[in-house]
Amino acid sequence: MPAKRRVTIALIAEEAGVSIPTVSKVINGRPEVAPETRHRVERLLHEHGYQRRTSQDDTPSGLVDLVFAEIESPWAMEIVRGAESAARDAGASVVMSVLHTHAGPGRDWLDRLASRRTDGVVVVASKLSTGVQAQLSARSLPFVVVDPEGEPAPGVVSVGATNWHGGLAATRHLLELGHRRVGMISGPGDMLCSQARIDGYRAALETAGVEVDPTLIRRGTFLVESGHDQGHALLSLPDPPTAIFAGSDLMAFGVFEAARQRGLRVPEDLSVVGFDDLPLSKSAWPPLTTVRQPLQEMAALATRTVLAMKRGEAPESRRVELATDLIVRESTAALVKHEA
């Protein structure tokens, strides 16, 4: 059996039909390469899992890059706390970047990354193109995705939560309280966690023998405003829900306000469940029943994994999902049936 050829720049250049300097330019993020050629080389780098040979420049720098698509909610702050704590325990520091787009990191970001010799990258709720993955791998930069937007590519290490189970537990709790008209406000449709929470919601209803009503399922953005708007939409239905499961605590707070504006009391007239268990949820009025998502633990695990990968240790699993837990507080109550 012939020996497997070592993946070198020369091998990539041969398969791509370009020169060795061209491949080197792509690896180093140099701009003077035609887009079509760049994409072809990046695809081959990714397919072969190319990693440059180590040198003294690859010694640990003590920096971990934490990259967000957006950072406009307390949810992100919990991620920062978890990553910073794990990095500090390892004697490292965190550099935070905000992309202001869900399209994933661009080439400018990659250039800045290379200039500060980071030990690894934790990407939060964003997409990583094949090109970016190839660039990170070519630079021997380990990366982990937290709460990935779409299905991670084979080989990509990711950390998330048991969103399906969380959706199931939240909905089952409301059903056990006697509610049968249960509304659901989910996050964006292109995010895995959003769909998983809806699937858990559907599974709870179907298991209880309750028909799934599509008019009770709404899409939001995980932010307060969408919870408010979609809460109004649900409560305006001819046969409105008696309970609403919001896919985030922030959207649940928006539902609180929509109910107040309509003269409804929580939980006497409307039960509400959130998702995340942000610090604000226990001090809200009423205190919010919610599904605890271990955000700090997720970020800490991702950070420890990146640092371990930098040391040459293989991750125990490519996909890790940490457990969610239902936290029952005062925003949910048994359905009171009024006499006709």
C-alpha atoms as a PDB file:
ATOM      1  CA  MET A   1       0.000   0.000   0.000  1.00  0.00           C
ATOM      2  CA  PRO A   2       1.611   3.311  -1.041  1.00  0.00           C
ATOM      3  CA  ALA A   3       2.438   5.768   1.737  1.00  0.00           C
ATOM      4  CA  LYS A   4       0.087   8.704   2.065  1.00  0.00           C
ATOM      5  CA  ARG A   5       1.619  11.893   0.706  1.00  0.00           C
ATOM      6  CA  ARG A   6       2.351  14.556   3.300  1.00  0.00           C
ATOM      7  CA  VAL A   7       0.201  17.635   2.799  1.00  0.00           C
ATOM      8  CA  THR A   8       2.563  20.371   1.680  1.00  0.00           C
ATOM      9  CA  ILE A   9       2.244  23.702  -0.078  1.00  0.00           C
ATOM     10  CA  ALA A  10       3.727  21.996  -3.156  1.00  0.00           C
ATOM     11  CA  LEU A  11       0.967  19.356  -3.117  1.00  0.00           C
ATOM     12  CA  ILE A  12      -1.748  22.019  -2.814  1.00  0.00           C
ATOM     13  CA  ALA A  13      -0.137  24.030  -5.625  1.00  0.00           C
ATOM     14  CA  GLU A  14       0.013  20.949  -7.874  1.00  0.00           C
ATOM     15  CA  GLU A  15      -3.654  20.072  -7.338  1.00  0.00           C
ATOM     16  CA  ALA A  16      -4.796  23.682  -7.722  1.00  0.00           C
ATOM     17  CA  GLY A  17      -2.718  24.188 -10.860  1.00  0.00           C
ATOM     18  CA  VAL A  18      -0.960  27.256  -9.452  1.00  0.00           C
ATOM     19  CA  SER A  19       2.498  28.175  -8.259  1.00  0.00           C
ATOM     20  CA  ILE A  20       3.836  27.568  -4.764  1.00  0.00           C
ATOM     21  CA  PRO A  21       4.134  31.359  -4.116  1.00  0.00           C
ATOM     22  CA  THR A  22       0.424  31.717  -4.981  1.00  0.00           C
ATOM     23  CA  VAL A  23      -0.537  29.128  -2.347  1.00  0.00           C
ATOM     24  CA  SER A  24       1.746  30.873   0.138  1.00  0.00           C
ATOM     25  CA  LYS A  25      -0.013  34.185  -0.556  1.00  0.00           C
ATOM     26  CA  VAL A  26      -3.420  32.594   0.094  1.00  0.00           C
ATOM     27  CA  ILE A  27      -2.223  31.040   3.357  1.00  0.00           C
ATOM     28  CA  ASN A  28      -0.876  34.375   4.542  1.00  0.00           C
ATOM     29  CA  GLY A  29      -3.978  36.316   3.512  1.00  0.00           C
ATOM     30  CA  ARG A  30      -2.201  38.385   0.870  1.00  0.00           C
ATOM     31  CA  PRO A  31      -4.635  40.273  -1.405  1.00  0.00           C
ATOM     32  CA  GLU A  32      -2.931  39.880  -4.802  1.00  0.00           C
ATOM     33  CA  VAL A  33      -4.644  36.599  -5.758  1.00  0.00           C
ATOM     34  CA  ALA A  34      -7.649  36.347  -8.075  1.00  0.00           C
ATOM     35  CA  PRO A  35     -10.877  35.461  -6.161  1.00  0.00           C
ATOM     36  CA  GLU A  36     -11.509  32.303  -8.182  1.00  0.00           C
ATOM     37  CA  THR A  37      -7.958  31.080  -7.586  1.00  0.00           C
ATOM     38  CA  ARG A  38      -8.152  31.977  -3.900  1.00  0.00           C
ATOM     39  CA  HIS A  39     -11.369  30.001  -3.455  1.00  0.00           C
ATOM     40  CA  ARG A  40      -9.900  26.965  -5.237  1.00  0.00           C
ATOM     41  CA  VAL A  41      -6.788  26.990  -3.056  1.00  0.00           C
ATOM     42  CA  GLU A  42      -8.778  27.581   0.145  1.00  0.00           C
ATOM     43  CA  ARG A  43     -11.056  24.658  -0.693  1.00  0.00           C
ATOM     44  CA  LEU A  44      -8.062  22.346  -1.143  1.00  0.00           C
ATOM     45  CA  LEU A  45      -6.410  23.600   2.045  1.00  0.00           C
ATOM     46  CA  HIS A  46      -9.634  22.819   3.902  1.00  0.00           C
ATOM     47  CA  GLU A  47     -10.165  19.416   2.266  1.00  0.00           C
ATOM     48  CA  HIS A  48      -6.602  18.295   3.006  1.00  0.00           C
ATOM     49  CA  GLY A  49      -6.581  19.773   6.509  1.00  0.00           C
ATOM     50  CA  TYR A  50      -3.323  21.565   5.722  1.00  0.00           C
ATOM     51  CA  GLN A  51      -1.418  22.991   8.666  1.00  0.00           C
ATOM     52  CA  ARG A  52       1.806  24.894   8.340  1.00  0.00           C
ATOM     53  CA  ARG A  53       4.861  23.481  10.066  1.00  0.00           C
ATOM     54  CA  THR A  54       5.401  24.795  13.567  1.00  0.00           C
ATOM     55  CA  SER A  55       8.086  27.315  14.417  1.00  0.00           C
ATOM     56  CA  GLN A  56       9.064  29.410  17.378  1.00  0.00           C
ATOM     57  CA  ASP A  57       6.354  31.875  16.278  1.00  0.00           C
ATOM     58  CA  ASP A  58       3.791  29.218  17.146  1.00  0.00           C
ATOM     59  CA  THR A  59       4.618  29.191  20.841  1.00  0.00           C
ATOM     60  CA  PRO A  60       1.586  30.127  22.989  1.00  0.00           C
ATOM     61  CA  SER A  61       0.941  33.871  23.185  1.00  0.00           C
ATOM     62  CA  GLY A  62      -1.551  33.756  26.055  1.00  0.00           C
ATOM     63  CA  LEU A  63      -4.340  35.288  23.940  1.00  0.00           C
ATOM     64  CA  VAL A  64      -7.717  33.832  22.948  1.00  0.00           C
ATOM     65  CA  ASP A  65      -9.917  35.636  20.424  1.00  0.00           C
ATOM     66  CA  LEU A  66     -13.635  35.732  21.263  1.00  0.00           C
ATOM     67  CA  VAL A  67     -15.660  36.680  18.194  1.00  0.00           C
ATOM     68  CA  PHE A  68     -19.332  37.750  18.210  1.00  0.00           C
ATOM     69  CA  ALA A  69     -21.648  38.449  15.308  1.00  0.00           C
ATOM     70  CA  GLU A  70     -23.414  41.001  17.530  1.00  0.00           C
ATOM     71  CA  ILE A  71     -23.135  41.963  21.182  1.00  0.00           C
ATOM     72  CA  GLU A  72     -26.386  43.692  22.031  1.00  0.00           C
ATOM     73  CA  SER A  73     -27.795  41.730  24.932  1.00  0.00           C
ATOM     74  CA  PRO A  74     -27.000  40.386  28.417  1.00  0.00           C
ATOM     75  CA  TRP A  75     -26.755  36.958  26.746  1.00  0.00           C
ATOM     76  CA  ALA A  76     -23.425  37.985  25.226  1.00  0.00           C
ATOM     77  CA  MET A  77     -22.146  39.238  28.582  1.00  0.00           C
ATOM     78  CA  GLU A  78     -22.650  35.778  30.080  1.00  0.00           C
ATOM     79  CA  ILE A  79     -20.538  34.320  27.264  1.00  0.00           C
ATOM     80  CA  VAL A  80     -17.809  36.902  27.905  1.00  0.00           C
ATOM     81  CA  ARG A  81     -17.770  36.098  31.631  1.00  0.00           C
ATOM     82  CA  GLY A  82     -17.406  32.383  30.968  1.00  0.00           C
ATOM     83  CA  ALA A  83     -14.611  32.785  28.413  1.00  0.00           C
ATOM     84  CA  GLU A  84     -12.728  35.313  30.530  1.00  0.00           C
ATOM     85  CA  SER A  85     -12.908  33.103  33.622  1.00  0.00           C
ATOM     86  CA  ALA A  86     -11.558  30.041  31.812  1.00  0.00           C
ATOM     87  CA  ALA A  87      -8.796  32.061  30.128  1.00  0.00           C
ATOM     88  CA  ARG A  88      -7.779  33.647  33.429  1.00  0.00           C
ATOM     89  CA  ASP A  89      -7.555  30.234  35.089  1.00  0.00           C
ATOM     90  CA  ALA A  90      -5.194  29.178  32.294  1.00  0.00           C
ATOM     91  CA  GLY A  91      -3.073  32.311  32.592  1.00  0.00           C
ATOM     92  CA  ALA A  92      -4.397  33.708  29.319  1.00  0.00           C
ATOM     93  CA  SER A  93      -6.341  36.799  28.257  1.00  0.00           C
ATOM     94  CA  VAL A  94      -9.339  37.342  25.977  1.00  0.00           C
ATOM     95  CA  VAL A  95      -9.449  39.676  22.976  1.00  0.00           C
ATOM     96  CA  MET A  96     -13.041  40.397  21.944  1.00  0.00           C
ATOM     97  CA  SER A  97     -14.190  41.253  18.410  1.00  0.00           C
ATOM     98  CA  VAL A  98     -17.672  42.200  17.187  1.00  0.00           C
ATOM     99  CA  LEU A  99     -18.322  41.623  13.475  1.00  0.00           C
ATOM    100  CA  HIS A 100     -21.701  43.444  13.254  1.00  0.00           C
ATOM    101  CA  THR A 101     -22.775  40.795  10.763  1.00  0.00           C
ATOM    102  CA  HIS A 102     -23.881  37.166  10.909  1.00  0.00           C
ATOM    103  CA  ALA A 103     -22.059  36.384   7.667  1.00  0.00           C
ATOM    104  CA  GLY A 104     -18.908  35.408   9.573  1.00  0.00           C
ATOM    105  CA  PRO A 105     -15.388  36.852   9.819  1.00  0.00           C
ATOM    106  CA  GLY A 106     -13.860  38.535   6.785  1.00  0.00           C
ATOM    107  CA  ARG A 107     -10.316  38.773   5.480  1.00  0.00           C
ATOM    108  CA  ASP A 108      -9.519  41.990   7.376  1.00  0.00           C
ATOM    109  CA  TRP A 109     -10.302  40.204  10.619  1.00  0.00           C
ATOM    110  CA  LEU A 110      -8.040  37.307   9.613  1.00  0.00           C
ATOM    111  CA  ASP A 111      -5.194  39.726   8.955  1.00  0.00           C
ATOM    112  CA  ARG A 112      -5.605  41.318  12.393  1.00  0.00           C
ATOM    113  CA  LEU A 113      -5.762  37.864  13.936  1.00  0.00           C
ATOM    114  CA  ALA A 114      -2.459  36.855  12.359  1.00  0.00           C
ATOM    115  CA  SER A 115      -0.755  40.039  13.488  1.00  0.00           C
ATOM    116  CA  ARG A 116      -1.419  39.447  17.190  1.00  0.00           C
ATOM    117  CA  ARG A 117      -0.480  35.726  17.185  1.00  0.00           C
ATOM    118  CA  THR A 118      -3.538  34.510  19.055  1.00  0.00           C
ATOM    119  CA  ASP A 119      -3.581  30.963  20.468  1.00  0.00           C
ATOM    120  CA  GLY A 120      -7.062  30.187  19.159  1.00  0.00           C
ATOM    121  CA  VAL A 121     -10.495  31.476  18.326  1.00  0.00           C
ATOM    122  CA  VAL A 122     -13.931  31.050  19.924  1.00  0.00           C
ATOM    123  CA  VAL A 123     -16.636  32.063  17.449  1.00  0.00           C
ATOM    124  CA  VAL A 124     -20.067  32.809  18.954  1.00  0.00           C
ATOM    125  CA  ALA A 125     -23.395  32.456  17.108  1.00  0.00           C
ATOM    126  CA  SER A 126     -21.890  33.077  13.689  1.00  0.00           C
ATOM    127  CA  LYS A 127     -21.048  31.282  10.471  1.00  0.00           C
ATOM    128  CA  LEU A 128     -17.609  30.175   9.349  1.00  0.00           C
ATOM    129  CA  SER A 129     -17.151  29.929   5.595  1.00  0.00           C
ATOM    130  CA  THR A 130     -14.996  27.194   4.115  1.00  0.00           C
ATOM    131  CA  GLY A 131     -12.472  29.884   3.221  1.00  0.00           C
ATOM    132  CA  VAL A 132     -12.185  31.167   6.791  1.00  0.00           C
ATOM    133  CA  GLN A 133     -11.891  27.618   8.127  1.00  0.00           C
ATOM    134  CA  ALA A 134      -9.097  26.948   5.633  1.00  0.00           C
ATOM    135  CA  GLN A 135      -7.282  30.139   6.600  1.00  0.00           C
ATOM    136  CA  LEU A 136      -7.488  29.310  10.315  1.00  0.00           C
ATOM    137  CA  SER A 137      -6.316  25.728   9.736  1.00  0.00           C
ATOM    138  CA  ALA A 138      -3.502  26.851   7.447  1.00  0.00           C
ATOM    139  CA  ARG A 139      -2.278  29.167  10.212  1.00  0.00           C
ATOM    140  CA  SER A 140      -2.495  26.288  12.734  1.00  0.00           C
ATOM    141  CA  LEU A 141      -5.092  28.264  14.685  1.00  0.00           C
ATOM    142  CA  PRO A 142      -7.559  26.048  16.568  1.00  0.00           C
ATOM    143  CA  PHE A 143     -11.155  27.279  16.670  1.00  0.00           C
ATOM    144  CA  VAL A 144     -14.393  26.309  18.396  1.00  0.00           C
ATOM    145  CA  VAL A 145     -17.893  27.526  17.543  1.00  0.00           C
ATOM    146  CA  VAL A 146     -20.337  28.291  20.370  1.00  0.00           C
ATOM    147  CA  ASP A 147     -24.046  27.982  19.570  1.00  0.00           C
ATOM    148  CA  PRO A 148     -23.458  27.677  15.793  1.00  0.00           C
ATOM    149  CA  GLU A 149     -26.003  29.313  13.498  1.00  0.00           C
ATOM    150  CA  GLY A 150     -26.074  26.500  10.979  1.00  0.00           C
ATOM    151  CA  GLU A 151     -24.971  22.888  10.913  1.00  0.00           C
ATOM    152  CA  PRO A 152     -21.201  22.873  11.583  1.00  0.00           C
ATOM    153  CA  ALA A 153     -19.050  21.412   8.832  1.00  0.00           C
ATOM    154  CA  PRO A 154     -17.535  17.968   9.474  1.00  0.00           C
ATOM    155  CA  GLY A 155     -14.516  18.300  11.724  1.00  0.00           C
ATOM    156  CA  VAL A 156     -15.537  21.643  13.230  1.00  0.00           C
ATOM    157  CA  VAL A 157     -15.605  21.574  17.029  1.00  0.00           C
ATOM    158  CA  SER A 158     -18.737  23.160  18.504  1.00  0.00           C
ATOM    159  CA  VAL A 159     -20.318  23.692  21.920  1.00  0.00           C
ATOM    160  CA  GLY A 160     -24.041  24.202  22.448  1.00  0.00           C
ATOM    161  CA  ALA A 161     -26.902  23.302  24.749  1.00  0.00           C
ATOM    162  CA  THR A 162     -29.706  20.736  24.703  1.00  0.00           C
ATOM    163  CA  ASN A 163     -32.142  23.141  23.039  1.00  0.00           C
ATOM    164  CA  TRP A 164     -34.609  20.434  21.996  1.00  0.00           C
ATOM    165  CA  HIS A 165     -34.857  19.143  25.550  1.00  0.00           C
ATOM    166  CA  GLY A 166     -35.253  22.706  26.833  1.00  0.00           C
ATOM    167  CA  GLY A 167     -38.147  23.365  24.469  1.00  0.00           C
ATOM    168  CA  LEU A 168     -39.729  20.082  25.485  1.00  0.00           C
ATOM    169  CA  ALA A 169     -39.396  20.815  29.222  1.00  0.00           C
ATOM    170  CA  ALA A 170     -40.779  24.369  28.925  1.00  0.00           C
ATOM    171  CA  THR A 171     -43.830  23.278  26.952  1.00  0.00           C
ATOM    172  CA  ARG A 172     -44.450  20.185  29.060  1.00  0.00           C
ATOM    173  CA  HIS A 173     -44.455  22.405  32.187  1.00  0.00           C
ATOM    174  CA  LEU A 174     -47.200  24.576  30.699  1.00  0.00           C
ATOM    175  CA  LEU A 175     -49.218  21.530  29.614  1.00  0.00           C
ATOM    176  CA  GLU A 176     -48.975  20.085  33.119  1.00  0.00           C
ATOM    177  CA  LEU A 177     -50.476  23.335  34.417  1.00  0.00           C
ATOM    178  CA  GLY A 178     -53.530  22.687  32.242  1.00  0.00           C
ATOM    179  CA  HIS A 179     -52.732  25.003  29.314  1.00  0.00           C
ATOM    180  CA  ARG A 180     -53.687  23.758  25.856  1.00  0.00           C
ATOM    181  CA  ARG A 181     -53.397  26.990  23.834  1.00  0.00           C
ATOM    182  CA  VAL A 182     -49.620  27.425  24.161  1.00  0.00           C
ATOM    183  CA  GLY A 183     -47.954  30.061  21.985  1.00  0.00           C
ATOM    184  CA  MET A 184     -44.324  29.810  20.879  1.00  0.00           C
ATOM    185  CA  ILE A 185     -42.053  32.721  19.921  1.00  0.00           C
ATOM    186  CA  SER A 186     -38.812  31.387  18.480  1.00  0.00           C
ATOM    187  CA  GLY A 187     -35.642  33.045  17.268  1.00  0.00           C
ATOM    188  CA  PRO A 188     -34.467  33.435  13.649  1.00  0.00           C
ATOM    189  CA  GLY A 189     -35.329  30.529  11.400  1.00  0.00           C
ATOM    190  CA  ASP A 190     -31.757  29.989  10.182  1.00  0.00           C
ATOM    191  CA  MET A 191     -30.382  29.284  13.656  1.00  0.00           C
ATOM    192  CA  LEU A 192     -30.104  25.682  14.832  1.00  0.00           C
ATOM    193  CA  CYS A 193     -31.042  26.538  18.424  1.00  0.00           C
ATOM    194  CA  SER A 194     -34.268  28.227  17.269  1.00  0.00           C
ATOM    195  CA  GLN A 195     -35.430  25.240  15.281  1.00  0.00           C
ATOM    196  CA  ALA A 196     -34.451  22.805  18.036  1.00  0.00           C
ATOM    197  CA  ARG A 197     -36.572  24.704  20.585  1.00  0.00           C
ATOM    198  CA  ILE A 198     -39.559  24.658  18.214  1.00  0.00           C
ATOM    199  CA  ASP A 199     -39.060  20.931  17.649  1.00  0.00           C
ATOM    200  CA  GLY A 200     -39.056  20.357  21.414  1.00  0.00           C
ATOM    201  CA  TYR A 201     -42.224  22.439  21.727  1.00  0.00           C
ATOM    202  CA  ARG A 202     -43.916  20.412  18.990  1.00  0.00           C
ATOM    203  CA  ALA A 203     -42.814  17.124  20.547  1.00  0.00           C
ATOM    204  CA  ALA A 204     -44.316  18.069  23.931  1.00  0.00           C
ATOM    205  CA  LEU A 205     -47.655  18.976  22.337  1.00  0.00           C
ATOM    206  CA  GLU A 206     -47.792  15.855  20.191  1.00  0.00           C
ATOM    207  CA  THR A 207     -46.875  13.596  23.112  1.00  0.00           C
ATOM    208  CA  ALA A 208     -49.708  15.150  25.145  1.00  0.00           C
ATOM    209  CA  GLY A 209     -52.157  14.653  22.287  1.00  0.00           C
ATOM    210  CA  VAL A 210     -52.520  18.392  21.677  1.00  0.00           C
ATOM    211  CA  GLU A 211     -52.734  19.434  18.031  1.00  0.00           C
ATOM    212  CA  VAL A 212     -49.987  21.787  16.870  1.00  0.00           C
ATOM    213  CA  ASP A 213     -51.577  25.043  15.701  1.00  0.00           C
ATOM    214  CA  PRO A 214     -49.252  26.833  13.227  1.00  0.00           C
ATOM    215  CA  THR A 215     -50.861  30.212  14.057  1.00  0.00           C
ATOM    216  CA  LEU A 216     -49.440  29.916  17.586  1.00  0.00           C
ATOM    217  CA  ILE A 217     -45.822  29.694  16.350  1.00  0.00           C
ATOM    218  CA  ARG A 218     -44.072  33.002  15.631  1.00  0.00           C
ATOM    219  CA  ARG A 219     -40.508  33.979  14.672  1.00  0.00           C
ATOM    220  CA  GLY A 220     -38.581  36.655  16.530  1.00  0.00           C
ATOM    221  CA  THR A 221     -35.038  37.939  16.936  1.00  0.00           C
ATOM    222  CA  PHE A 222     -34.358  36.897  20.551  1.00  0.00           C
ATOM    223  CA  LEU A 223     -34.643  40.585  21.557  1.00  0.00           C
ATOM    224  CA  VAL A 224     -37.239  42.395  23.707  1.00  0.00           C
ATOM    225  CA  GLU A 225     -38.880  44.224  20.806  1.00  0.00           C
ATOM    226  CA  SER A 226     -39.742  41.048  18.907  1.00  0.00           C
ATOM    227  CA  GLY A 227     -41.142  39.460  22.066  1.00  0.00           C
ATOM    228  CA  HIS A 228     -43.343  42.517  22.508  1.00  0.00           C
ATOM    229  CA  ASP A 229     -44.505  42.584  18.873  1.00  0.00           C
ATOM    230  CA  GLN A 230     -45.062  38.838  18.498  1.00  0.00           C
ATOM    231  CA  GLY A 231     -46.671  38.719  21.943  1.00  0.00           C
ATOM    232  CA  HIS A 232     -49.217  41.310  20.767  1.00  0.00           C
ATOM    233  CA  ALA A 233     -49.786  39.298  17.590  1.00  0.00           C
ATOM    234  CA  LEU A 234     -50.486  36.114  19.539  1.00  0.00           C
ATOM    235  CA  LEU A 235     -52.736  37.843  22.062  1.00  0.00           C
ATOM    236  CA  SER A 236     -54.706  39.443  19.199  1.00  0.00           C
ATOM    237  CA  LEU A 237     -55.796  36.077  17.817  1.00  0.00           C
ATOM    238  CA  PRO A 238     -59.531  35.268  17.986  1.00  0.00           C
ATOM    239  CA  ASP A 239     -58.606  32.354  20.269  1.00  0.00           C
ATOM    240  CA  PRO A 240     -55.458  33.643  21.990  1.00  0.00           C
ATOM    241  CA  PRO A 241     -53.021  31.465  23.943  1.00  0.00           C
ATOM    242  CA  THR A 242     -53.279  31.184  27.722  1.00  0.00           C
ATOM    243  CA  ALA A 243     -49.521  30.584  27.899  1.00  0.00           C
ATOM    244  CA  ILE A 244     -46.513  31.623  25.823  1.00  0.00           C
ATOM    245  CA  PHE A 245     -43.106  29.969  25.601  1.00  0.00           C
ATOM    246  CA  ALA A 246     -40.578  32.571  24.457  1.00  0.00           C
ATOM    247  CA  GLY A 247     -37.293  31.353  22.976  1.00  0.00           C
ATOM    248  CA  SER A 248     -35.266  33.804  25.075  1.00  0.00           C
ATOM    249  CA  ASP A 249     -35.650  35.638  28.374  1.00  0.00           C
ATOM    250  CA  LEU A 250     -35.487  38.971  26.561  1.00  0.00           C
ATOM    251  CA  MET A 251     -38.444  38.025  24.363  1.00  0.00           C
ATOM    252  CA  ALA A 252     -40.296  36.855  27.478  1.00  0.00           C
ATOM    253  CA  PHE A 253     -39.817  40.336  28.978  1.00  0.00           C
ATOM    254  CA  GLY A 254     -41.318  41.739  25.772  1.00  0.00           C
ATOM    255  CA  VAL A 255     -44.316  39.430  26.235  1.00  0.00           C
ATOM    256  CA  PHE A 256     -44.674  40.747  29.797  1.00  0.00           C
ATOM    257  CA  GLU A 257     -45.023  44.277  28.424  1.00  0.00           C
ATOM    258  CA  ALA A 258     -47.431  43.241  25.649  1.00  0.00           C
ATOM    259  CA  ALA A 259     -49.643  41.541  28.260  1.00  0.00           C
ATOM    260  CA  ARG A 260     -49.542  44.606  30.519  1.00  0.00           C
ATOM    261  CA  GLN A 261     -50.548  46.878  27.669  1.00  0.00           C
ATOM    262  CA  ARG A 262     -53.549  44.643  26.994  1.00  0.00           C
ATOM    263  CA  GLY A 263     -54.621  44.648  30.626  1.00  0.00           C
ATOM    264  CA  LEU A 264     -53.554  41.052  31.244  1.00  0.00           C
ATOM    265  CA  ARG A 265     -51.817  39.875  34.384  1.00  0.00           C
ATOM    266  CA  VAL A 266     -48.888  37.419  34.485  1.00  0.00           C
ATOM    267  CA  PRO A 267     -49.435  34.660  35.566  1.00  0.00           C
ATOM    268  CA  GLU A 268     -53.132  35.055  36.480  1.00  0.00           C
ATOM    269  CA  ASP A 269     -54.249  35.658  32.876  1.00  0.00           C
ATOM    270  CA  LEU A 270     -51.177  34.540  30.937  1.00  0.00           C
ATOM    271  CA  SER A 271     -48.339  32.178  31.870  1.00  0.00           C
ATOM    272  CA  VAL A 272     -44.933  32.955  30.360  1.00  0.00           C
ATOM    273  CA  VAL A 273     -41.751  30.861  30.103  1.00  0.00           C
ATOM    274  CA  GLY A 274     -38.404  32.148  28.830  1.00  0.00           C
ATOM    275  CA  PHE A 275     -35.119  30.555  27.811  1.00  0.00           C
ATOM    276  CA  ASP A 276     -31.558  31.354  29.043  1.00  0.00           C
ATOM    277  CA  ASP A 277     -31.958  32.155  32.769  1.00  0.00           C
ATOM    278  CA  LEU A 278     -30.182  35.495  32.520  1.00  0.00           C
ATOM    279  CA  PRO A 279     -29.445  37.206  35.857  1.00  0.00           C
ATOM    280  CA  LEU A 280     -32.338  39.598  35.126  1.00  0.00           C
ATOM    281  CA  SER A 281     -34.876  36.763  35.051  1.00  0.00           C
ATOM    282  CA  LYS A 282     -34.964  36.207  38.803  1.00  0.00           C
ATOM    283  CA  SER A 283     -35.379  39.931  39.585  1.00  0.00           C
ATOM    284  CA  ALA A 284     -38.102  40.551  36.975  1.00  0.00           C
ATOM    285  CA  TRP A 285     -41.658  40.991  38.166  1.00  0.00           C
ATOM    286  CA  PRO A 286     -42.969  38.431  38.365  1.00  0.00           C
ATOM    287  CA  PRO A 287     -39.759  36.370  38.530  1.00  0.00           C
ATOM    288  CA  LEU A 288     -39.503  34.505  35.249  1.00  0.00           C
ATOM    289  CA  THR A 289     -39.930  30.764  34.837  1.00  0.00           C
ATOM    290  CA  THR A 290     -37.257  29.876  32.310  1.00  0.00           C
ATOM    291  CA  VAL A 291     -35.009  27.209  30.846  1.00  0.00           C
ATOM    292  CA  ARG A 292     -31.479  27.607  32.135  1.00  0.00           C
ATOM    293  CA  GLN A 293     -28.939  27.520  29.342  1.00  0.00           C
ATOM    294  CA  PRO A 294     -25.431  27.187  30.853  1.00  0.00           C
ATOM    295  CA  LEU A 295     -23.973  30.092  28.897  1.00  0.00           C
ATOM    296  CA  GLN A 296     -20.920  30.698  31.066  1.00  0.00           C
ATOM    297  CA  GLU A 297     -20.109  26.990  31.147  1.00  0.00           C
ATOM    298  CA  MET A 298     -20.476  26.749  27.356  1.00  0.00           C
ATOM    299  CA  ALA A 299     -18.034  29.617  26.801  1.00  0.00           C
ATOM    300  CA  ALA A 300     -15.611  28.295  29.419  1.00  0.00           C
ATOM    301  CA  LEU A 301     -15.579  24.832  27.839  1.00  0.00           C
ATOM    302  CA  ALA A 302     -15.001  26.306  24.373  1.00  0.00           C
ATOM    303  CA  THR A 303     -12.096  28.400  25.687  1.00  0.00           C
ATOM    304  CA  ARG A 304     -10.476  25.473  27.514  1.00  0.00           C
ATOM    305  CA  THR A 305     -10.892  23.334  24.390  1.00  0.00           C
ATOM    306  CA  VAL A 306      -9.190  25.909  22.156  1.00  0.00           C
ATOM    307  CA  LEU A 307      -6.245  26.201  24.554  1.00  0.00           C
ATOM    308  CA  ALA A 308      -5.956  22.406  24.770  1.00  0.00           C
ATOM    309  CA  MET A 309      -5.994  22.147  20.973  1.00  0.00           C
ATOM    310  CA  LYS A 310      -3.199  24.714  20.853  1.00  0.00           C
ATOM    311  CA  ARG A 311      -1.179  22.377  23.081  1.00  0.00           C
ATOM    312  CA  GLY A 312      -1.735  19.611  20.551  1.00  0.00           C
ATOM    313  CA  GLU A 313      -4.475  17.788  22.469  1.00  0.00           C
ATOM    314  CA  ALA A 314      -7.366  16.392  20.430  1.00  0.00           C
ATOM    315  CA  PRO A 315     -10.869  17.367  21.635  1.00  0.00           C
ATOM    316  CA  GLU A 316     -12.808  14.542  23.293  1.00  0.00           C
ATOM    317  CA  SER A 317     -15.816  15.270  21.068  1.00  0.00           C
ATOM    318  CA  ARG A 318     -16.474  17.379  17.996  1.00  0.00           C
ATOM    319  CA  ARG A 319     -19.969  18.307  19.189  1.00  0.00           C
ATOM    320  CA  VAL A 320     -20.757  18.934  22.856  1.00  0.00           C
ATOM    321  CA  GLU A 321     -24.212  19.849  24.163  1.00  0.00           C
ATOM    322  CA  LEU A 322     -24.483  20.901  27.801  1.00  0.00           C
ATOM    323  CA  ALA A 323     -27.680  20.158  29.698  1.00  0.00           C
ATOM    324  CA  THR A 324     -30.502  22.673  30.085  1.00  0.00           C
ATOM    325  CA  ASP A 325     -32.757  22.814  33.169  1.00  0.00           C
ATOM    326  CA  LEU A 326     -36.238  24.183  33.747  1.00  0.00           C
ATOM    327  CA  ILE A 327     -36.252  26.807  36.518  1.00  0.00           C
ATOM    328  CA  VAL A 328     -39.793  27.323  37.838  1.00  0.00           C
ATOM    329  CA  ARG A 329     -40.547  30.752  39.275  1.00  0.00           C
ATOM    330  CA  GLU A 330     -43.668  32.911  39.505  1.00  0.00           C
ATOM    331  CA  SER A 331     -44.533  33.737  35.875  1.00  0.00           C
ATOM    332  CA  THR A 332     -46.419  30.464  35.359  1.00  0.00           C
ATOM    333  CA  ALA A 333     -49.563  29.185  37.072  1.00  0.00           C
ATOM    334  CA  ALA A 334     -52.310  26.607  36.629  1.00  0.00           C
ATOM    335  CA  LEU A 335     -54.937  27.507  34.068  1.00  0.00           C
ATOM    336  CA  VAL A 336     -58.086  28.856  35.679  1.00  0.00           C
ATOM    337  CA  LYS A 337     -61.162  27.946  33.670  1.00  0.00           C
ATOM    338  CA  HIS A 338     -63.837  30.630  33.878  1.00  0.00           C
ATOM    339  CA  GLU A 339     -67.490  29.715  33.971  1.00  0.00           C
ATOM    340  CA  ALA A 340     -69.429  30.553  30.812  1.00  0.00           C
END
